Amino acid sequence: MPIINVMMKENGGLSKRQKEAAAKRELKQSFVEVMSEAKNFHRGDK
């Protein structure tokens, strides 16, 4: 996950908890994007 790598470089490394929180946020965001794409697909927007 490139965003976490960038954050690690900026912050000089993150604690395990911060990494997990960032990973969960990214996972949630990508899930939301996939779901909205799926809705668009079902509606025939593509």
PDB file of N, CA and C in Angstrom:
ATOM      1  N   MET A   1       0.836  -1.196   0.000  1.00  0.00           N
ATOM      2  CA  MET A   1       0.000   0.000   0.000  1.00  0.00           C
ATOM      3  C   MET A   1       0.879   1.256   0.000  1.00  0.00           C
ATOM      4  N   PRO A   2       0.968   1.915  -1.118  1.00  0.00           N
ATOM      5  CA  PRO A   2       1.909   3.035  -1.259  1.00  0.00           C
ATOM      6  C   PRO A   2       1.660   4.187  -0.293  1.00  0.00           C
ATOM      7  N   ILE A   3       0.402   4.457   0.047  1.00  0.00           N
ATOM      8  CA  ILE A   3       0.115   5.590   0.937  1.00  0.00           C
ATOM      9  C   ILE A   3       0.787   5.380   2.287  1.00  0.00           C
ATOM     10  N   ILE A   4       0.738   4.162   2.792  1.00  0.00           N
ATOM     11  CA  ILE A   4       1.353   3.864   4.086  1.00  0.00           C
ATOM     12  C   ILE A   4       2.863   4.033   3.986  1.00  0.00           C
ATOM     13  N   ASN A   5       3.455   3.605   2.870  1.00  0.00           N
ATOM     14  CA  ASN A   5       4.893   3.760   2.690  1.00  0.00           C
ATOM     15  C   ASN A   5       5.283   5.224   2.715  1.00  0.00           C
ATOM     16  N   VAL A   6       4.502   6.063   2.035  1.00  0.00           N
ATOM     17  CA  VAL A   6       4.770   7.503   2.032  1.00  0.00           C
ATOM     18  C   VAL A   6       4.663   8.056   3.446  1.00  0.00           C
ATOM     19  N   MET A   7       3.622   7.635   4.171  1.00  0.00           N
ATOM     20  CA  MET A   7       3.439   8.109   5.544  1.00  0.00           C
ATOM     21  C   MET A   7       4.618   7.697   6.413  1.00  0.00           C
ATOM     22  N   MET A   8       5.114   6.489   6.210  1.00  0.00           N
ATOM     23  CA  MET A   8       6.242   6.007   7.007  1.00  0.00           C
ATOM     24  C   MET A   8       7.472   6.862   6.740  1.00  0.00           C
ATOM     25  N   LYS A   9       7.700   7.212   5.478  1.00  0.00           N
ATOM     26  CA  LYS A   9       8.855   8.051   5.148  1.00  0.00           C
ATOM     27  C   LYS A   9       8.708   9.428   5.784  1.00  0.00           C
ATOM     28  N   GLU A  10       7.507   9.997   5.702  1.00  0.00           N
ATOM     29  CA  GLU A  10       7.273  11.335   6.248  1.00  0.00           C
ATOM     30  C   GLU A  10       7.424  11.340   7.764  1.00  0.00           C
ATOM     31  N   ASN A  11       6.885  10.329   8.416  1.00  0.00           N
ATOM     32  CA  ASN A  11       6.852  10.307   9.879  1.00  0.00           C
ATOM     33  C   ASN A  11       8.057   9.591  10.475  1.00  0.00           C
ATOM     34  N   GLY A  12       8.922   9.078   9.621  1.00  0.00           N
ATOM     35  CA  GLY A  12      10.054   8.317  10.133  1.00  0.00           C
ATOM     36  C   GLY A  12       9.611   7.024  10.788  1.00  0.00           C
ATOM     37  N   GLY A  13       8.582   6.403  10.219  1.00  0.00           N
ATOM     38  CA  GLY A  13       8.086   5.139  10.758  1.00  0.00           C
ATOM     39  C   GLY A  13       6.863   5.355  11.631  1.00  0.00           C
ATOM     40  N   LEU A  14       5.936   4.428  11.565  1.00  0.00           N
ATOM     41  CA  LEU A  14       4.703   4.513  12.343  1.00  0.00           C
ATOM     42  C   LEU A  14       4.655   3.362  13.337  1.00  0.00           C
ATOM     43  N   SER A  15       3.921   3.574  14.406  1.00  0.00           N
ATOM     44  CA  SER A  15       3.697   2.481  15.343  1.00  0.00           C
ATOM     45  C   SER A  15       2.804   1.440  14.679  1.00  0.00           C
ATOM     46  N   LYS A  16       2.801   0.247  15.234  1.00  0.00           N
ATOM     47  CA  LYS A  16       1.998  -0.835  14.663  1.00  0.00           C
ATOM     48  C   LYS A  16       0.524  -0.441  14.615  1.00  0.00           C
ATOM     49  N   ARG A  17       0.051   0.202  15.674  1.00  0.00           N
ATOM     50  CA  ARG A  17      -1.365   0.577  15.740  1.00  0.00           C
ATOM     51  C   ARG A  17      -1.695   1.592  14.650  1.00  0.00           C
ATOM     52  N   GLN A  18      -0.807   2.560  14.432  1.00  0.00           N
ATOM     53  CA  GLN A  18      -1.039   3.565  13.388  1.00  0.00           C
ATOM     54  C   GLN A  18      -1.066   2.909  12.015  1.00  0.00           C
ATOM     55  N   LYS A  19      -0.157   1.956  11.800  1.00  0.00           N
ATOM     56  CA  LYS A  19      -0.130   1.241  10.513  1.00  0.00           C
ATOM     57  C   LYS A  19      -1.443   0.493  10.294  1.00  0.00           C
ATOM     58  N   GLU A  20      -1.911  -0.184  11.341  1.00  0.00           N
ATOM     59  CA  GLU A  20      -3.155  -0.951  11.217  1.00  0.00           C
ATOM     60  C   GLU A  20      -4.334  -0.030  10.960  1.00  0.00           C
ATOM     61  N   ALA A  21      -4.364   1.117  11.639  1.00  0.00           N
ATOM     62  CA  ALA A  21      -5.454   2.075  11.445  1.00  0.00           C
ATOM     63  C   ALA A  21      -5.437   2.600  10.011  1.00  0.00           C
ATOM     64  N   ALA A  22      -4.251   2.908   9.509  1.00  0.00           N
ATOM     65  CA  ALA A  22      -4.127   3.416   8.139  1.00  0.00           C
ATOM     66  C   ALA A  22      -4.550   2.342   7.142  1.00  0.00           C
ATOM     67  N   ALA A  23      -4.155   1.100   7.400  1.00  0.00           N
ATOM     68  CA  ALA A  23      -4.519   0.002   6.502  1.00  0.00           C
ATOM     69  C   ALA A  23      -6.032  -0.190   6.487  1.00  0.00           C
ATOM     70  N   LYS A  24      -6.650  -0.102   7.664  1.00  0.00           N
ATOM     71  CA  LYS A  24      -8.108  -0.260   7.734  1.00  0.00           C
ATOM     72  C   LYS A  24      -8.807   0.865   6.989  1.00  0.00           C
ATOM     73  N   ARG A  25      -8.304   2.098   7.158  1.00  0.00           N
ATOM     74  CA  ARG A  25      -8.899   3.241   6.451  1.00  0.00           C
ATOM     75  C   ARG A  25      -8.806   3.039   4.948  1.00  0.00           C
ATOM     76  N   GLU A  26      -7.632   2.597   4.489  1.00  0.00           N
ATOM     77  CA  GLU A  26      -7.440   2.400   3.052  1.00  0.00           C
ATOM     78  C   GLU A  26      -8.340   1.285   2.540  1.00  0.00           C
ATOM     79  N   LEU A  27      -8.439   0.214   3.320  1.00  0.00           N
ATOM     80  CA  LEU A  27      -9.269  -0.924   2.929  1.00  0.00           C
ATOM     81  C   LEU A  27     -10.726  -0.486   2.822  1.00  0.00           C
ATOM     82  N   LYS A  28     -11.179   0.279   3.820  1.00  0.00           N
ATOM     83  CA  LYS A  28     -12.557   0.763   3.834  1.00  0.00           C
ATOM     84  C   LYS A  28     -12.810   1.651   2.616  1.00  0.00           C
ATOM     85  N   GLN A  29     -11.854   2.542   2.331  1.00  0.00           N
ATOM     86  CA  GLN A  29     -12.004   3.454   1.199  1.00  0.00           C
ATOM     87  C   GLN A  29     -12.095   2.670  -0.108  1.00  0.00           C
ATOM     88  N   SER A  30     -11.208   1.688  -0.302  1.00  0.00           N
ATOM     89  CA  SER A  30     -11.235   0.925  -1.551  1.00  0.00           C
ATOM     90  C   SER A  30     -12.518   0.100  -1.632  1.00  0.00           C
ATOM     91  N   PHE A  31     -13.003  -0.383  -0.493  1.00  0.00           N
ATOM     92  CA  PHE A  31     -14.261  -1.140  -0.476  1.00  0.00           C
ATOM     93  C   PHE A  31     -15.415  -0.244  -0.923  1.00  0.00           C
ATOM     94  N   VAL A  32     -15.446   0.994  -0.403  1.00  0.00           N
ATOM     95  CA  VAL A  32     -16.495   1.951  -0.774  1.00  0.00           C
ATOM     96  C   VAL A  32     -16.433   2.229  -2.275  1.00  0.00           C
ATOM     97  N   GLU A  33     -15.218   2.398  -2.796  1.00  0.00           N
ATOM     98  CA  GLU A  33     -15.063   2.665  -4.228  1.00  0.00           C
ATOM     99  C   GLU A  33     -15.562   1.483  -5.056  1.00  0.00           C
ATOM    100  N   VAL A  34     -15.220   0.281  -4.637  1.00  0.00           N
ATOM    101  CA  VAL A  34     -15.656  -0.917  -5.361  1.00  0.00           C
ATOM    102  C   VAL A  34     -17.177  -1.029  -5.333  1.00  0.00           C
ATOM    103  N   MET A  35     -17.764  -0.759  -4.163  1.00  0.00           N
ATOM    104  CA  MET A  35     -19.219  -0.857  -4.041  1.00  0.00           C
ATOM    105  C   MET A  35     -19.923   0.168  -4.930  1.00  0.00           C
ATOM    106  N   SER A  36     -19.413   1.401  -4.968  1.00  0.00           N
ATOM    107  CA  SER A  36     -20.062   2.419  -5.800  1.00  0.00           C
ATOM    108  C   SER A  36     -19.892   2.072  -7.274  1.00  0.00           C
ATOM    109  N   GLU A  37     -18.742   1.492  -7.636  1.00  0.00           N
ATOM    110  CA  GLU A  37     -18.550   1.054  -9.020  1.00  0.00           C
ATOM    111  C   GLU A  37     -19.521  -0.068  -9.358  1.00  0.00           C
ATOM    112  N   ALA A  38     -19.733  -0.971  -8.406  1.00  0.00           N
ATOM    113  CA  ALA A  38     -20.660  -2.080  -8.632  1.00  0.00           C
ATOM    114  C   ALA A  38     -22.080  -1.552  -8.837  1.00  0.00           C
ATOM    115  N   LYS A  39     -22.475  -0.552  -8.039  1.00  0.00           N
ATOM    116  CA  LYS A  39     -23.810   0.036  -8.195  1.00  0.00           C
ATOM    117  C   LYS A  39     -23.950   0.667  -9.571  1.00  0.00           C
ATOM    118  N   ASN A  40     -22.924   1.403  -9.985  1.00  0.00           N
ATOM    119  CA  ASN A  40     -22.959   2.034 -11.307  1.00  0.00           C
ATOM    120  C   ASN A  40     -23.067   0.967 -12.395  1.00  0.00           C
ATOM    121  N   PHE A  41     -22.347  -0.129 -12.206  1.00  0.00           N
ATOM    122  CA  PHE A  41     -22.357  -1.207 -13.190  1.00  0.00           C
ATOM    123  C   PHE A  41     -23.759  -1.802 -13.304  1.00  0.00           C
ATOM    124  N   HIS A  42     -24.413  -2.030 -12.159  1.00  0.00           N
ATOM    125  CA  HIS A  42     -25.755  -2.621 -12.177  1.00  0.00           C
ATOM    126  C   HIS A  42     -26.765  -1.686 -12.827  1.00  0.00           C
ATOM    127  N   ARG A  43     -26.574  -0.382 -12.664  1.00  0.00           N
ATOM    128  CA  ARG A  43     -27.485   0.588 -13.260  1.00  0.00           C
ATOM    129  C   ARG A  43     -27.234   0.732 -14.755  1.00  0.00           C
ATOM    130  N   GLY A  44     -26.103   0.215 -15.216  1.00  0.00           N
ATOM    131  CA  GLY A  44     -25.789   0.301 -16.638  1.00  0.00           C
ATOM    132  C   GLY A  44     -25.143   1.621 -17.021  1.00  0.00           C
ATOM    133  N   ASP A  45     -24.440   2.258 -16.075  1.00  0.00           N
ATOM    134  CA  ASP A  45     -23.780   3.532 -16.363  1.00  0.00           C
ATOM    135  C   ASP A  45     -22.510   3.335 -17.180  1.00  0.00           C
ATOM    136  N   LYS A  46     -21.967   2.104 -17.162  1.00  0.00           N
ATOM    137  CA  LYS A  46     -20.669   1.898 -17.822  1.00  0.00           C
ATOM    138  C   LYS A  46     -20.844   1.682 -19.315  1.00  0.00           C
TER     139      LYS A  46
END
